[in-house]
Protein backbone atom coordinates (compact mmCIF):
# COMPACT_ATOMS: atom_id res chain seq x y z
CA UNK A 1 -5.67 -23.39 -16.92
CA UNK A 2 -7.07 -21.11 -14.22
CA UNK A 3 -10.21 -22.18 -12.42
CA UNK A 4 -12.49 -19.20 -12.03
CA UNK A 5 -14.20 -18.65 -8.72
CA UNK A 6 -17.84 -19.20 -9.39
CA UNK A 7 -20.50 -18.59 -6.79
CA UNK A 8 -20.84 -22.36 -6.48
CA UNK A 9 -17.12 -22.70 -5.61
CA UNK A 10 -17.17 -19.79 -3.16
CA UNK A 11 -20.21 -20.95 -1.21
CA UNK A 12 -18.97 -24.50 -0.64
CA UNK A 13 -18.86 -25.39 3.06
CA UNK A 14 -15.43 -24.82 4.48
CA UNK A 15 -13.77 -27.94 5.88
CA UNK A 16 -10.96 -27.07 8.25
CA UNK A 17 -9.54 -30.57 7.85
CA UNK A 18 -8.65 -29.52 4.26
CA UNK A 19 -6.86 -26.38 5.52
CA UNK A 20 -5.07 -27.54 8.66
CA UNK A 21 -3.37 -30.76 9.71
CA UNK A 22 -2.17 -31.90 13.12
CA UNK A 23 1.39 -31.13 12.00
CA UNK A 24 0.40 -27.45 11.73
CA UNK A 25 -0.84 -27.15 15.31
CA UNK A 26 1.75 -25.91 17.77
CA UNK A 27 1.89 -25.59 21.55
CA UNK A 28 4.30 -22.68 21.91
CA UNK A 29 6.23 -21.54 24.94
CA UNK A 30 8.34 -18.47 25.54
CA UNK A 31 6.64 -16.03 23.17
CA UNK A 32 6.69 -12.63 24.85
CA UNK A 33 5.42 -10.20 22.22
CA UNK A 34 3.67 -9.90 18.88
CA UNK A 35 6.79 -9.50 16.73
CA UNK A 36 8.30 -12.65 18.24
CA UNK A 37 5.03 -14.48 17.51
CA UNK A 38 5.07 -13.37 13.86
CA UNK A 39 8.73 -14.36 13.57
CA UNK A 40 7.82 -17.92 14.65
CA UNK A 41 4.83 -18.04 12.30
CA UNK A 42 7.00 -16.77 9.42
CA UNK A 43 9.58 -19.50 9.99
CA UNK A 44 6.85 -22.15 9.82
CA UNK A 45 5.24 -20.70 6.68
CA UNK A 46 8.59 -20.32 4.88
CA UNK A 47 8.63 -24.05 4.05
CA UNK A 48 5.36 -23.73 2.10
CA UNK A 49 5.89 -20.55 0.07
CA UNK A 50 8.53 -19.04 -2.16
CA UNK A 51 9.47 -16.24 0.24
CA UNK A 52 12.01 -15.99 3.04
CA UNK A 53 10.83 -15.82 6.63
CA UNK A 54 12.05 -12.20 6.76
CA UNK A 55 9.85 -11.28 3.78
CA UNK A 56 6.89 -13.10 5.33
CA UNK A 57 7.48 -11.33 8.64
CA UNK A 58 7.46 -7.99 6.84
CA UNK A 59 4.15 -8.88 5.13
CA UNK A 60 2.58 -9.66 8.51
CA UNK A 61 3.96 -6.60 10.27
CA UNK A 62 2.91 -4.29 7.43
CA UNK A 63 -0.59 -5.77 7.41
CA UNK A 64 -0.88 -5.45 11.21
CA UNK A 65 -0.06 -1.73 10.93
CA UNK A 66 -3.11 -1.33 8.69
CA UNK A 67 -5.46 -3.74 10.44
CA UNK A 68 -5.12 -5.61 13.74
CA UNK A 69 -5.86 -9.31 13.32
CA UNK A 70 -7.37 -9.88 16.75
CA UNK A 71 -10.98 -11.04 16.81
CA UNK A 72 -11.50 -10.70 20.57
CA UNK A 73 -11.63 -13.19 23.41
CA UNK A 74 -7.88 -13.77 23.40
CA UNK A 75 -7.89 -14.91 19.76
CA UNK A 76 -6.09 -13.57 16.68
CA UNK A 77 -6.66 -14.52 13.05
CA UNK A 78 -3.72 -13.17 11.02
CA UNK A 79 -3.97 -13.95 7.34
CA UNK A 80 -1.92 -13.42 4.25
CA UNK A 81 -2.17 -14.24 0.54
CA UNK A 82 0.58 -15.46 -1.80
CA UNK A 83 0.67 -15.92 -5.57
CA UNK A 84 2.77 -19.08 -5.52
CA UNK A 85 0.51 -21.44 -3.55
CA UNK A 86 -2.40 -23.46 -4.88
CA UNK A 87 -4.51 -24.01 -1.79
CA UNK A 88 -5.06 -22.53 1.63
CA UNK A 89 -2.87 -23.50 4.55
CA UNK A 90 -3.77 -23.06 8.20
CA UNK A 91 -1.56 -22.91 11.27
CA UNK A 92 -2.86 -22.93 14.82
CA UNK A 93 -0.76 -21.82 17.78
CA UNK A 94 -1.68 -22.14 21.43
CA UNK A 95 0.62 -20.04 23.59
CA UNK A 96 1.46 -21.13 27.13
CA UNK A 97 0.92 -17.51 28.24
CA UNK A 98 -1.04 -14.67 26.70
CA UNK A 99 0.74 -11.77 25.02
CA UNK A 100 -0.20 -8.14 24.52
CA UNK A 101 -1.63 -7.89 21.01
CA UNK A 102 -3.28 -4.46 21.05
CA UNK A 103 -6.49 -6.42 20.59
CA UNK A 104 -9.85 -4.86 19.77
CA UNK A 105 -11.14 -5.82 23.23
CA UNK A 106 -7.81 -5.07 24.99
CA UNK A 107 -7.54 -8.74 26.00
CA UNK A 108 -4.16 -10.44 25.66
CA UNK A 109 -3.99 -13.17 23.00
CA UNK A 110 -3.12 -16.83 23.53
CA UNK A 111 -4.79 -18.55 20.55
CA UNK A 112 -3.74 -17.76 17.00
CA UNK A 113 -5.08 -19.24 13.77
CA UNK A 114 -3.03 -18.13 10.76
CA UNK A 115 -4.53 -18.53 7.30
CA UNK A 116 -2.31 -18.47 4.21
CA UNK A 117 -4.24 -18.45 0.93
CA UNK A 118 -3.67 -18.19 -2.81
CA UNK A 119 -3.84 -14.58 -3.96
CA UNK A 120 -6.34 -15.32 -6.74
CA UNK A 121 -8.90 -16.87 -4.36
CA UNK A 122 -10.08 -13.74 -2.52
CA UNK A 123 -13.75 -14.81 -2.23
CA UNK A 124 -12.76 -18.26 -0.97
CA UNK A 125 -10.23 -16.67 1.40
CA UNK A 126 -12.96 -14.44 2.87
CA UNK A 127 -15.30 -17.41 3.22
CA UNK A 128 -12.59 -19.36 5.07
CA UNK A 129 -11.85 -16.40 7.35
CA UNK A 130 -15.53 -16.03 8.21
CA UNK A 131 -15.85 -19.73 9.01
CA UNK A 132 -12.72 -19.81 11.18
CA UNK A 133 -13.85 -16.65 12.96
CA UNK A 134 -17.23 -18.23 13.76
CA UNK A 135 -15.52 -21.27 15.28
CA UNK A 136 -13.05 -19.21 17.30
CA UNK A 137 -15.65 -16.90 18.80
CA UNK A 138 -17.66 -19.72 20.38
CA UNK A 139 -17.01 -19.65 24.13
CA UNK A 140 -17.34 -23.43 24.56
CA UNK A 141 -14.88 -24.08 21.74
CA UNK A 142 -12.36 -21.67 23.26
CA UNK A 143 -12.76 -23.26 26.71
CA UNK A 144 -12.18 -26.70 25.23
CA UNK A 145 -9.08 -25.59 23.32
CA UNK A 146 -7.62 -23.78 26.32
CA UNK A 147 -8.27 -26.84 28.48
CA UNK A 148 -6.56 -29.17 26.00
CA UNK A 149 -2.99 -30.23 26.56
CA UNK A 150 -2.37 -32.11 23.32
CA UNK A 151 -2.38 -31.39 19.61
CA UNK A 152 -4.69 -34.29 18.72
CA UNK A 153 -7.49 -32.94 20.91
CA UNK A 154 -7.08 -29.39 19.61
CA UNK A 155 -7.24 -30.70 16.04
CA UNK A 156 -10.42 -32.63 16.82
CA UNK A 157 -12.00 -29.53 18.37
CA UNK A 158 -11.05 -27.30 15.43
CA UNK A 159 -12.29 -29.77 12.84
CA UNK A 160 -15.47 -30.55 14.79
CA UNK A 161 -14.52 -34.18 15.22
CA UNK A 162 -15.50 -34.21 18.90
């Protein structure tokens, strides 16, 4: 049985704690460029979907050719949809050094939130993207994340637990 997206379902408040766990937050070193970043993200996602990391990488690179996923302020929000998953999955990466991302504001990127969603949930996917974008464009939130040295603190900041 397929649950239809009703307006009630779409407008529910997004809870990041339902999308991301501490095990999907990564402090990454030695990423030097965008393709290398997407290769790492693809390897992580591969365990949750029915595609190889090479196929996932191609999805990301093809999508980036059409639309850059940077949202400004050193933050990127790449996202992708798959038919074989039932609920959204978030990954957060904090890089030890910023990389050139061809960002909309020409700022290098060091914080990346990747959202992987079911293909049938487009309205929910857009709602989640909007919510994550609002969080990751708040200067105080970004300062706190950049000043954090551990995954637990970053998780608490992202999920508004501190």
